[in-house]
Amino acid sequence: MMAEQILLGAENIRQMAWGAVNGCEAASLLMGLHFKCRALNLSYGQFLKTMPINQAGNPYRGFGGSPFKNQSGKFEAIFVRPLLNWGRQYGRLIDLSGAAPAWLYAEVAKHNPVVTYVTVHFEAPDWEIYPFGRVPVNNHAVLLDGFSDQKVHVSDPIDGKYWLAKEKFEAIYNTRRMAVAVIN
């Protein structure tokens, strides 16, 4: 029996090429939207300008800080709820937060790429406490766009497109279980 393999082939947006050292969630979301033929008129730079910013630096309320620089006391990220509210201006999204990895793979099997919150280079989370809660300072988001029996495929705004051991992906994803599927 042949092993199942699905690869959607989403584009890759390199956030550093745009000077967006902290723009991974926006890049991952836009790759998913573009895959679904949404927001095609927007470049990554234009898309970043529409991202909601939370001046207090709380990623649960908007992007904390600036995607273009690191600022002391800010947590430069945008978490699921504000990402959903923003992204729904451009396409249909589903909150998969709390979902087991199998749910993410089920969405990819339906040709719906999934923005997943992981860590930079899939390294162990480096946890720190902020006024809004405990979060990994090496927070990162990638677009899950493929899987097989043993591996997953991501379009990573820092490291490009690649296959990764499912076990490693799931270990990092399961530390927070934050994800958003782009369904149309």
Foldseek 3Di string as FASTA:
>chain_A
DDWDKFFLPFFAAACVVVLQQLCFLLRQLVSQLVSVVWPPVDDSVRSQVQFDEDDQQDLDVTAWDGSNDDDPQHQGHHADPSSQVSSVVIADKDWFAPPQVVVQQVLLVVVWKKWAKFFVVLDPFCWDAHPVGIGGSRIHIWIFNMDIPFWTWTQGNHPGTDIDGPVSVNVGRVVGRTMMIGRD
